[in-house]
Protein backbone atom coordinates (compact mmCIF):
# COMPACT_ATOMS: atom_id res chain seq x y z
CA MET A 1 42.02 127.06 29.48
CA SER A 2 40.26 130.12 28.15
CA PHE A 3 40.82 129.78 24.42
CA GLY A 4 42.34 127.24 22.11
CA PRO A 5 41.24 123.86 20.75
CA PRO A 6 37.60 122.76 21.05
CA PRO A 7 35.49 123.35 23.02
CA SER A 8 37.01 126.81 23.41
CA VAL A 9 34.86 129.89 22.87
CA TYR A 10 37.21 130.99 20.09
CA THR A 11 37.28 127.79 18.06
CA GLN A 12 33.68 126.60 18.43
CA PRO A 13 31.16 129.26 17.33
CA SER A 14 28.32 127.64 19.28
CA ALA A 15 30.22 127.02 22.48
CA THR A 16 29.58 129.06 25.59
CA THR A 17 32.27 129.60 28.13
CA ALA A 18 31.88 131.32 31.47
CA PRO A 19 34.02 134.45 31.85
CA VAL A 20 37.31 133.82 33.56
CA ARG A 21 37.28 135.60 36.88
CA THR A 22 39.59 135.34 39.84
CA GLU A 23 39.87 137.34 43.01
CA ARG A 24 43.24 138.55 41.83
CA ARG A 25 41.63 139.99 38.67
CA ARG A 26 39.01 141.82 40.70
CA ARG A 27 41.69 143.37 42.86
CA LEU A 28 43.68 144.38 39.77
CA LEU A 29 40.72 146.15 38.20
CA GLY A 30 41.71 149.25 40.13
CA TRP A 31 45.44 148.57 39.91
CA SER A 32 47.54 151.50 38.79
CA LEU A 33 50.02 150.80 36.05
CA ALA A 34 52.86 152.49 37.87
CA VAL A 35 53.59 155.02 40.55
CA VAL A 36 56.87 156.61 39.60
CA LEU A 37 58.28 159.92 40.78
CA VAL A 38 60.44 161.26 37.97
CA VAL A 39 61.65 164.38 36.29
CA ALA A 40 59.16 164.77 33.46
CA LEU A 41 60.96 164.67 30.15
CA GLY A 42 60.85 168.03 28.46
CA THR A 43 58.77 169.70 31.19
CA GLY A 44 61.31 170.41 33.89
CA GLY A 45 58.82 169.45 36.60
CA LEU A 46 57.98 166.42 38.71
CA LEU A 47 55.42 163.93 37.50
CA LEU A 48 53.52 161.30 39.45
CA LEU A 49 52.14 158.53 37.25
CA THR A 50 49.07 156.70 38.47
CA GLY A 51 46.61 154.41 36.76
CA ASN A 52 42.83 154.56 36.71
CA ASP A 53 40.64 152.51 34.40
CA SER A 54 37.25 153.31 35.84
CA ASP A 55 36.18 155.63 33.02
CA ASP A 56 34.81 153.88 29.96
CA ASP A 57 34.96 156.82 27.58
CA GLY A 58 38.75 156.96 27.45
CA GLY A 59 40.07 160.28 26.26
CA ARG A 60 36.59 161.80 25.73
CA ASP A 61 36.58 164.57 23.18
CA GLY A 62 40.01 165.81 24.16
CA GLY A 63 41.66 162.51 23.30
CA LYS A 64 39.87 161.60 20.09
CA GLY A 65 41.47 161.83 16.70
CA SER A 66 39.54 163.22 13.79
CA ALA A 67 39.80 162.19 10.17
CA PRO A 68 40.89 164.84 7.66
CA SER A 69 37.86 166.60 6.22
CA ALA A 70 38.64 165.32 2.72
CA GLN A 71 38.23 161.72 3.79
CA SER A 72 35.07 159.71 3.20
CA ARG A 73 33.83 156.59 4.96
CA LEU A 74 35.23 154.50 2.08
CA ASP A 75 38.73 155.90 2.46
CA VAL A 76 41.34 154.19 4.59
CA ARG A 77 41.24 155.92 7.95
CA GLU A 78 43.85 158.60 8.68
CA THR A 79 43.18 160.23 12.02
CA VAL A 80 44.94 163.25 13.48
CA GLU A 81 45.49 162.67 17.17
CA LYS A 82 44.91 165.52 19.61
CA PRO A 83 46.93 165.93 22.82
CA PRO A 84 44.94 164.84 25.89
CA ALA A 85 43.93 167.27 28.60
CA GLY A 86 46.70 165.99 30.87
CA THR A 87 49.91 164.01 30.53
CA LEU A 88 49.25 161.60 33.39
CA GLY A 89 49.18 158.15 31.83
CA THR A 90 46.37 155.84 32.87
CA MET A 91 45.24 152.39 31.88
CA ALA A 92 42.49 152.46 29.25
CA PHE A 93 42.19 148.73 28.65
CA ARG A 94 43.70 145.39 29.49
CA PHE A 95 43.08 141.95 27.98
CA SER A 96 44.78 139.06 29.74
CA VAL A 97 44.52 135.41 30.67
CA ASP A 98 45.78 133.52 33.68
CA ASP A 99 45.16 129.87 32.83
CA MET A 100 47.41 129.03 29.87
CA GLY A 101 49.66 126.04 30.41
CA PRO A 102 53.27 125.46 29.33
CA GLY A 103 53.55 124.73 25.63
CA GLU A 104 50.18 126.24 24.66
CA HIS A 105 50.38 128.44 21.58
CA TYR A 106 47.71 130.57 19.90
CA GLU A 107 47.87 132.78 16.84
CA MET A 108 46.53 136.31 17.37
CA PRO A 109 46.77 138.00 13.95
CA GLY A 110 45.53 141.55 13.60
CA MET A 111 44.64 144.29 16.09
CA TRP A 112 42.35 147.25 15.40
CA ALA A 113 40.88 150.03 17.57
CA THR A 114 37.94 152.42 17.38
CA ASP A 115 36.76 154.95 19.95
CA LYS A 116 34.81 152.21 21.78
CA ILE A 117 36.26 148.83 20.78
CA LEU A 118 39.58 147.00 20.74
CA ALA A 119 39.36 144.12 18.25
CA LYS A 120 41.77 141.21 18.08
CA GLY A 121 42.06 138.15 15.88
CA ILE A 122 42.39 134.89 17.84
CA ASN A 123 42.72 131.61 15.94
CA LYS A 124 39.40 131.31 14.04
CA THR A 125 37.56 134.21 15.65
CA VAL A 126 37.72 138.00 15.74
CA VAL A 127 36.63 139.43 19.08
CA GLY A 128 35.59 142.96 19.99
CA LEU A 129 36.21 144.07 23.56
CA PRO A 130 34.84 147.24 25.16
CA LEU A 131 37.42 149.83 26.15
CA GLY A 132 37.72 150.95 29.75
CA THR A 133 37.64 147.37 31.03
CA ASP A 134 39.88 144.72 32.50
CA ALA A 135 38.91 142.03 30.04
CA ALA A 136 39.30 138.26 29.78
CA PRO A 137 37.85 135.69 27.37
CA GLY A 138 34.11 135.85 27.89
CA ASP A 139 33.95 139.65 28.16
CA GLU A 140 33.54 140.29 24.43
CA ARG A 141 31.10 142.91 23.23
CA TRP A 142 30.91 140.84 20.05
CA LYS A 143 32.47 137.79 18.39
CA LEU A 144 32.83 137.06 14.69
CA PRO A 145 33.29 133.28 14.38
CA LEU A 146 34.86 132.05 11.14
CA ASP A 147 34.79 128.62 9.52
CA GLY A 148 38.55 128.22 9.91
CA PRO A 149 41.71 129.91 11.15
CA ILE A 150 42.57 133.47 10.16
CA CYS A 151 45.25 133.29 7.47
CA GLY A 152 45.57 136.91 6.40
CA TYR A 153 44.76 140.39 7.65
CA THR A 154 45.37 144.07 6.97
CA ARG A 155 46.25 146.79 9.44
CA HIS A 156 44.07 149.25 7.48
CA VAL A 157 40.63 150.40 8.67
CA THR A 158 38.05 152.43 6.74
CA GLY A 159 36.60 155.77 7.75
CA ASP A 160 33.49 153.97 9.05
CA ASN A 161 35.54 151.44 11.09
CA ARG A 162 35.52 148.40 8.85
CA THR A 163 38.33 146.04 7.90
CA ALA A 164 38.95 142.60 6.38
CA VAL A 165 40.60 139.28 7.18
CA LEU A 166 41.22 136.09 5.24
CA PHE A 167 40.37 132.68 6.65
CA ARG A 168 40.95 129.03 5.85
CA ALA A 169 37.52 127.44 5.46
CA ASN A 170 38.24 124.02 6.94
CA ASP A 171 34.52 123.33 7.33
CA ARG A 172 33.84 123.64 3.59
CA GLY A 173 36.19 121.05 2.21
CA GLY A 174 39.88 121.49 1.58
CA ALA A 175 42.22 123.51 3.74
CA TYR A 176 43.08 126.42 1.51
CA CYS A 177 43.22 130.07 2.54
CA ASN A 178 40.63 131.27 0.04
CA HIS A 179 37.93 133.24 1.86
CA VAL A 180 37.76 136.95 2.64
CA VAL A 181 35.34 138.58 5.06
CA PHE A 182 34.69 142.32 5.41
CA PHE A 183 33.25 143.32 8.77
CA ASP A 184 32.38 146.18 11.11
CA LEU A 185 34.70 146.75 14.05
CA ASP A 186 32.12 148.55 16.19
CA ASP A 187 29.52 145.77 16.27
CA GLY A 188 31.23 142.73 14.73
CA ARG A 189 28.67 142.53 11.92
CA GLN A 190 29.79 140.71 8.79
CA VAL A 191 29.18 143.02 5.84
CA TRP A 192 29.99 140.37 3.23
CA GLU A 193 32.09 137.31 2.53
CA SER A 194 33.55 135.91 -0.68
CA ASP A 195 35.86 133.16 -1.82
CA PHE A 196 38.78 133.55 -4.21
CA PRO A 197 41.06 131.13 -6.11
CA TYR A 198 44.21 129.62 -4.74
CA SER A 199 47.56 129.10 -6.44
CA PRO A 200 49.48 125.86 -5.79
CA TYR A 201 52.90 126.42 -4.31
CA ALA A 202 55.89 125.21 -6.33
CA ASP A 203 58.83 123.13 -5.13
CA SER A 204 61.13 125.02 -7.49
CA PRO A 205 60.88 128.57 -8.88
CA GLY A 206 58.57 128.81 -11.85
CA LEU A 207 57.37 125.19 -11.64
CA PRO A 208 53.76 125.18 -10.37
CA ARG A 209 52.31 121.87 -9.26
CA ASN A 210 49.17 120.54 -7.67
CA GLY A 211 49.34 119.80 -3.98
CA ASP A 212 48.22 120.80 -0.52
CA GLU A 213 50.45 123.87 -0.21
CA GLN A 214 49.53 127.18 -1.73
CA ASP A 215 51.07 130.58 -2.40
CA THR A 216 50.43 132.87 0.55
CA PRO A 217 47.49 135.24 -0.12
CA SER A 218 47.18 138.76 1.23
CA VAL A 219 44.48 141.38 1.75
CA THR A 220 44.57 145.17 1.88
CA LEU A 221 42.22 148.15 1.63
CA THR A 222 42.21 151.25 -0.52
CA HIS A 223 39.43 153.70 -1.42
CA GLY A 224 36.16 151.78 -1.77
CA THR A 225 37.99 148.54 -2.51
CA VAL A 226 39.11 145.37 -0.75
CA VAL A 227 42.01 143.80 -2.63
CA VAL A 228 43.21 140.19 -2.33
CA THR A 229 46.34 138.78 -3.97
CA TRP A 230 46.54 134.98 -4.19
CA GLY A 231 49.69 134.18 -6.14
CA GLY A 232 47.96 133.43 -9.41
CA GLY A 233 46.38 136.88 -9.57
CA THR A 234 44.55 139.67 -7.78
CA ASP A 235 40.85 140.12 -6.98
CA ALA A 236 39.18 143.42 -6.04
CA TYR A 237 35.81 143.77 -4.30
CA GLY A 238 33.53 146.73 -3.70
CA MET A 239 33.43 147.59 -0.01
CA ASP A 240 29.69 148.11 0.23
CA THR A 241 28.48 145.15 -1.82
CA GLY A 242 31.29 142.60 -1.91
CA ARG A 243 30.79 142.40 -5.68
CA ARG A 244 33.97 141.56 -7.52
CA LEU A 245 35.06 144.65 -9.45
CA TRP A 246 37.93 143.11 -11.40
CA ARG A 247 40.42 140.28 -11.52
CA THR A 248 43.92 140.23 -12.95
CA THR A 249 45.71 136.96 -13.66
CA SER A 250 49.45 136.60 -13.26
CA THR A 251 51.20 135.69 -16.50
CA GLY A 252 54.55 134.20 -17.32
CA ALA A 253 56.99 133.70 -14.48
CA CYS A 254 55.57 136.45 -12.25
CA GLN A 255 53.04 136.02 -9.45
CA ASP A 256 51.09 138.58 -7.40
CA MET A 257 52.46 138.19 -3.86
CA GLY A 258 51.12 140.91 -1.60
CA ALA A 259 49.62 144.36 -2.00
CA ALA A 260 49.97 147.71 -0.23
CA GLY A 261 46.88 149.84 0.31
CA GLY A 262 45.91 153.11 1.96
CA ARG A 263 45.75 156.13 -0.31
CA ALA A 264 46.64 154.04 -3.38
CA LEU A 265 47.20 150.44 -4.45
CA ILE A 266 50.55 148.85 -5.28
CA VAL A 267 50.77 145.12 -6.03
CA ARG A 268 54.05 143.32 -5.38
CA GLN A 269 55.14 140.67 -7.86
CA GLN A 270 57.70 137.92 -7.45
CA CYS A 271 59.28 136.77 -10.69
CA TRP A 272 61.44 133.75 -11.47
CA ASN A 273 64.18 133.36 -14.05
CA ASP A 274 64.00 129.98 -15.81
CA ASP A 275 67.67 130.06 -16.83
CA ASP A 276 68.73 126.46 -16.18
CA SER A 277 72.38 127.49 -16.09
CA LEU A 278 71.71 129.04 -12.69
CA PRO A 279 71.38 126.94 -9.51
CA VAL A 280 67.73 126.45 -8.59
CA ASP A 281 68.25 128.33 -5.30
CA SER A 282 70.29 131.16 -6.81
CA LEU A 283 69.20 134.66 -5.84
CA GLU A 284 69.61 135.66 -9.48
CA ARG A 285 66.54 133.53 -10.23
CA LEU A 286 64.35 135.78 -8.07
CA ALA A 287 63.28 139.32 -8.95
CA TYR A 288 60.63 141.76 -7.70
CA LYS A 289 58.31 144.26 -9.31
CA ALA A 290 55.98 146.86 -7.85
CA ARG A 291 52.93 147.74 -9.94
CA LYS A 292 50.65 150.68 -9.20
CA VAL A 293 47.08 149.66 -10.04
CA ASP A 294 43.86 151.64 -10.42
CA PRO A 295 41.66 150.21 -7.62
CA GLU A 296 38.46 150.82 -9.59
CA THR A 297 39.45 149.13 -12.84
CA GLY A 298 42.57 147.03 -12.23
CA GLU A 299 44.49 148.96 -14.88
CA VAL A 300 48.25 148.94 -14.31
CA LEU A 301 49.39 152.57 -14.14
CA TRP A 302 53.12 151.93 -13.87
CA THR A 303 55.60 149.16 -13.05
CA TYR A 304 58.87 149.47 -11.15
CA SER A 305 61.37 146.63 -11.54
CA ALA A 306 63.78 146.20 -8.66
CA ALA A 307 67.47 145.73 -9.37
CA LYS A 308 68.95 142.26 -9.72
CA GLY A 309 70.11 140.78 -6.45
CA VAL A 310 67.30 142.27 -4.35
CA ARG A 311 66.29 139.55 -1.90
CA ASP A 312 63.04 141.04 -0.66
CA LEU A 313 60.79 144.02 -1.24
CA ASN A 314 58.18 145.58 1.05
CA ILE A 315 56.02 148.66 0.58
CA PRO A 316 55.83 150.92 3.68
CA SER A 317 53.69 153.42 1.74
CA ALA A 318 51.67 153.20 -1.47
CA GLU A 319 51.10 156.98 -1.73
CA PRO A 320 53.64 158.49 -1.72
CA ALA A 321 55.27 155.34 -3.05
CA VAL A 322 58.10 154.12 -0.81
CA LEU A 323 59.72 150.70 -1.24
CA ALA A 324 61.91 148.93 1.33
CA VAL A 325 64.40 146.59 -0.33
CA GLN A 326 66.80 144.03 1.05
CA ALA A 327 69.92 143.88 -1.07
CA GLY A 328 72.21 142.22 1.47
CA GLU A 329 72.03 139.18 3.68
CA THR A 330 70.19 140.73 6.62
CA GLY A 331 67.43 143.28 6.89
CA ILE A 332 66.37 146.27 4.84
CA SER A 333 69.29 147.98 3.14
CA GLU A 334 67.62 150.79 1.18
CA LEU A 335 64.42 152.77 0.91
CA LEU A 336 63.36 153.89 -2.56
CA SER A 337 61.14 156.93 -3.09
CA LEU A 338 59.21 156.75 -6.38
CA ASP A 339 57.54 159.55 -8.31
CA GLY A 340 54.11 159.63 -9.96
CA LYS A 341 55.41 157.61 -12.92
CA GLY A 342 57.04 154.90 -10.82
CA GLU A 343 60.55 156.21 -11.40
CA ASN A 344 63.15 156.51 -8.66
CA ARG A 345 63.14 159.95 -7.02
CA ALA A 346 65.62 159.21 -4.26
CA THR A 347 67.48 156.33 -2.67
CA ILE A 348 67.93 156.30 1.10
CA ARG A 349 70.66 153.95 2.23
CA LEU A 350 70.49 152.60 5.76
CA GLN A 351 74.29 152.63 6.01
CA SER A 352 74.90 149.05 7.12
CA GLY A 353 72.49 149.24 10.02
CA THR A 354 73.13 152.80 11.20
CA TYR A 355 69.45 153.39 10.49
CA LEU A 356 66.93 150.64 11.10
CA GLY A 357 63.73 149.85 9.26
CA GLU A 358 61.63 146.83 10.16
CA CYS A 359 58.80 145.22 8.22
CA SER A 360 56.61 142.35 9.34
CA TYR A 361 58.04 138.90 8.55
CA ASP A 362 55.80 136.05 9.66
CA ASP A 363 53.30 133.58 8.26
CA TYR A 364 50.98 136.40 7.14
CA LEU A 365 51.76 138.32 3.95
CA VAL A 366 51.32 141.96 5.00
CA VAL A 367 53.81 143.74 2.76
CA ASP A 368 52.78 147.24 3.90
CA ASP A 369 53.17 146.53 7.63
CA CYS A 370 56.48 148.21 8.47
CA PRO A 371 56.00 149.23 12.11
CA THR A 372 59.06 151.48 12.54
CA ILE A 373 59.02 153.13 9.09
CA ALA A 374 56.67 156.13 9.12
CA VAL A 375 55.86 158.08 5.96
CA GLY A 376 54.22 161.51 5.90
CA ALA A 377 54.72 165.24 5.40
CA GLY A 378 56.98 164.53 2.41
CA GLN A 379 59.40 162.54 4.54
CA VAL A 380 60.15 159.04 5.76
CA PHE A 381 61.23 158.57 9.37
CA LEU A 382 63.54 155.86 10.70
CA ARG A 383 65.19 155.11 14.00
CA SER A 384 68.89 154.66 14.52
CA LYS A 385 70.48 151.65 16.13
CA GLU A 386 71.02 151.82 19.88
CA ALA A 387 74.15 153.53 21.16
CA GLY A 388 74.48 151.00 24.01
CA ALA A 389 76.50 151.32 27.20
CA PRO A 390 77.07 153.33 29.30
CA ALA A 391 73.57 154.69 28.64
CA ASP A 392 71.20 153.35 25.99
CA ALA A 393 70.14 156.00 23.50
CA ASN A 394 69.16 156.47 19.86
CA TRP A 395 67.47 158.98 17.62
CA ILE A 396 64.76 159.28 14.98
CA ILE A 397 65.78 160.93 11.75
CA GLY A 398 63.74 162.15 8.79
CA PHE A 399 64.67 161.85 5.10
CA ASP A 400 63.24 164.04 2.36
CA LEU A 401 61.38 161.88 -0.17
CA ALA A 402 62.29 164.19 -3.04
CA THR A 403 66.04 164.31 -2.43
CA GLY A 404 66.89 161.57 0.07
CA ASN A 405 68.63 164.18 2.22
CA THR A 406 68.30 164.09 5.99
CA THR A 407 65.95 166.61 7.57
CA GLU A 408 65.19 166.76 11.30
CA LYS A 409 66.84 164.61 13.96
CA PHE A 410 65.19 163.82 17.30
CA ASP A 411 67.50 162.55 20.04
CA SER A 412 66.16 160.21 22.70
CA GLY A 413 68.71 161.33 25.26
CA PRO A 414 70.51 158.88 27.57
CA GLY A 415 68.49 156.14 29.26
CA SER A 416 65.66 155.92 26.73
CA LEU A 417 64.91 154.88 23.15
CA LEU A 418 62.62 156.39 20.52
CA TYR A 419 60.52 154.29 18.13
CA PRO A 420 58.43 155.78 15.27
CA VAL A 421 54.79 154.63 15.24
CA ARG A 422 52.93 156.63 12.56
CA THR A 423 52.37 160.10 11.26
CA SER A 424 49.46 162.19 12.53
CA GLY A 425 48.83 165.16 10.28
CA SER A 426 52.15 167.00 9.99
CA ARG A 427 53.57 165.35 13.13
CA LEU A 428 55.21 162.03 13.84
CA LEU A 429 53.94 159.95 16.75
CA ALA A 430 56.62 157.98 18.57
CA VAL A 431 56.96 155.86 21.68
CA ARG A 432 59.71 156.81 24.11
CA VAL A 433 60.73 153.65 25.98
CA SER A 434 62.65 153.89 29.21
CA ALA A 435 65.88 151.92 28.99
CA ASP A 436 66.86 152.48 32.63
CA HIS A 437 63.37 151.78 34.09
CA ILE A 438 63.66 155.03 36.07
CA ALA A 439 62.39 157.60 33.61
CA PRO A 440 58.83 157.02 32.42
CA ASN A 441 57.76 155.73 29.05
CA ALA A 442 55.82 158.17 26.90
CA LEU A 443 53.80 158.68 23.77
CA VAL A 444 55.18 161.81 22.12
CA ALA A 445 54.55 163.91 19.03
CA LEU A 446 57.59 165.07 17.04
CA ASP A 447 57.25 168.15 14.84
CA PRO A 448 59.55 167.99 11.77
CA GLU A 449 59.09 171.71 11.09
CA THR A 450 60.19 172.97 14.50
CA GLY A 451 62.15 170.02 15.91
CA ARG A 452 59.99 170.13 19.04
CA GLU A 453 58.91 167.08 21.03
CA THR A 454 55.52 167.30 22.72
CA PRO A 455 54.60 164.64 25.31
CA TYR A 456 51.07 163.30 24.88
CA PHE A 457 51.23 161.26 28.05
CA PHE A 458 53.73 159.45 30.26
CA PHE A 459 53.14 155.93 31.50
CA GLY A 460 54.70 153.08 33.41
CA LEU A 461 54.42 149.38 32.63
CA PRO A 462 54.14 146.36 34.91
CA ALA A 463 57.15 144.06 34.71
CA GLU A 464 55.08 141.38 32.93
CA ALA A 465 54.30 143.79 30.07
CA GLU A 466 57.62 145.55 29.55
CA LEU A 467 58.52 143.48 26.46
CA MET A 468 55.24 144.46 24.75
CA THR A 469 56.88 147.65 23.47
CA THR A 470 59.04 145.64 21.06
CA THR A 471 57.66 145.63 17.53
CA GLU A 472 58.96 142.28 16.28
CA HIS A 473 56.38 140.19 18.13
CA HIS A 474 53.81 142.85 19.04
CA ASP A 475 51.35 145.22 17.38
CA VAL A 476 51.51 148.90 18.32
CA VAL A 477 48.45 151.03 17.52
CA VAL A 478 47.66 154.67 18.33
CA GLN A 479 44.02 155.55 17.85
CA ASN A 480 41.53 157.98 19.39
CA GLY A 481 43.96 159.21 22.01
CA ARG A 482 45.01 155.76 23.16
CA LEU A 483 48.15 153.67 22.75
CA PHE A 484 47.77 149.89 22.48
CA PHE A 485 50.37 147.13 22.68
CA GLY A 486 49.17 143.67 21.60
CA VAL A 487 50.82 140.28 21.17
CA LYS A 488 50.84 138.58 17.76
CA LYS A 489 51.09 135.14 19.35
CA ALA A 490 50.08 133.95 22.80
CA GLU A 491 52.53 131.56 24.42
CA GLY A 492 51.91 129.59 27.58
CA PRO A 493 54.38 130.39 30.38
CA ALA A 494 57.33 128.13 31.00
CA ALA A 495 56.99 125.65 33.83
CA GLY A 496 57.32 127.40 37.15
CA ARG A 497 56.69 130.88 35.71
CA PRO A 498 53.67 133.06 36.60
CA LYS A 499 50.61 132.22 34.50
CA TRP A 500 49.43 135.81 34.17
CA THR A 501 49.75 136.64 30.46
CA TYR A 502 49.02 140.02 28.90
CA LEU A 503 47.46 139.89 25.44
CA VAL A 504 46.67 143.60 24.93
CA LEU A 505 47.45 146.62 27.07
CA GLY A 506 45.95 150.05 26.34
CA LEU A 507 46.95 153.42 27.79
CA GLN A 508 45.65 156.94 27.57
CA GLY A 509 46.27 160.43 28.88
CA ALA A 510 44.25 162.02 31.65
CA THR A 511 40.97 163.57 30.54
CA ALA A 512 39.45 166.86 31.53
CA GLY A 513 37.66 166.95 34.86
CA ARG A 514 39.81 164.40 36.64
């Protein structure tokens, strides 16, 4: 077993484990991801996809994104991806294991990329793996061992490639998730660490008690500031020093439960109604607020109170402010665009599932992780539900944040599906997934102004990795000209199934000179 309970390399900081190497892995180092002869989508020509992972520099200059000039190293990173020199998809990175047994289960929260490193959280360690490699446990460029399991993370990264995770410090007494560490993704160096309070979880709404359970904390980043919510309040730390800048304490029946970062800071609050005439599990007892907060001072700039009956609230974007609310029994039902005063600009209804928006729902409170809701260029982009037989198809559609009206529509065409990933400057990056396994998959850029689709690169996937394109159980990251798919949880194969398990797969377009 390569990672897991002691004495694994990822659960015992002092342990040393020999790199896992098999003859099969050596042979696969030069394995091409796919060789598929197809009609290239949107090009009218034939395309032969081959894989090559021998080059360590990935997309070189042609494939690297660059941050907007107005950004500083303390801002949350917003790169603008450039098309690669060629659209032939190649493997940029692979992280896999081949010795997990049936029933083994490992948490893998958080995935981040720089131009040189792919970093992944695994149990109680964050590992940094060099790009351009066929990696296994033991091949890390660096490891950041923690004193307990990771219990919170943010998808955000700063302009100088730093991010934060929360961990449960089992080795320091107690088992509460009450430590935050800010670290460098390029070298794994811990910049600083701090502890924060915990809030006991209540059996019934509004009735706090002492006990082993706690309200779920969260962490996010905004300019110069690392922000942690912990149920009973919110703490903010300076990025460079780790010094606590401010603390707000929840009052009354409301608790701080999650925060959205990026260009601004919005704290989500859950509030409970203590009306004893209502059943204790009544939805009318639960309400949500979104509060925009000054990250330097903690001052509340405005508060938006969601309507009664809202069952959940997520925050796909803090600036511009976009809320995703669940008013029905299943899934997100509406998106709300707010103005600079926290008032409703527009309401975008998802029409009973005609349009789909997904946010992360798991044991980690990441309220601004909505993988298929992309906000940018004054619009929010969603995908439609699949058309189904005889040929799978869908579309991506934009909605104007000022009016809620539809803007541009991008059709996938028969035999493929389009999934939004993120905005890149004025364009939307999306993954085109082959539904018929004949046409290639692709990373594409969609231009809302012209309606044009530009392929960045086409790629095939091995059969064992085809499900990694789904966003419910996988992270999808586009950074520095590369597209990464990573699992959120590693599961041992069922008895009798192949033991080869992909943890992260990275792809890139051909570079100049090949």
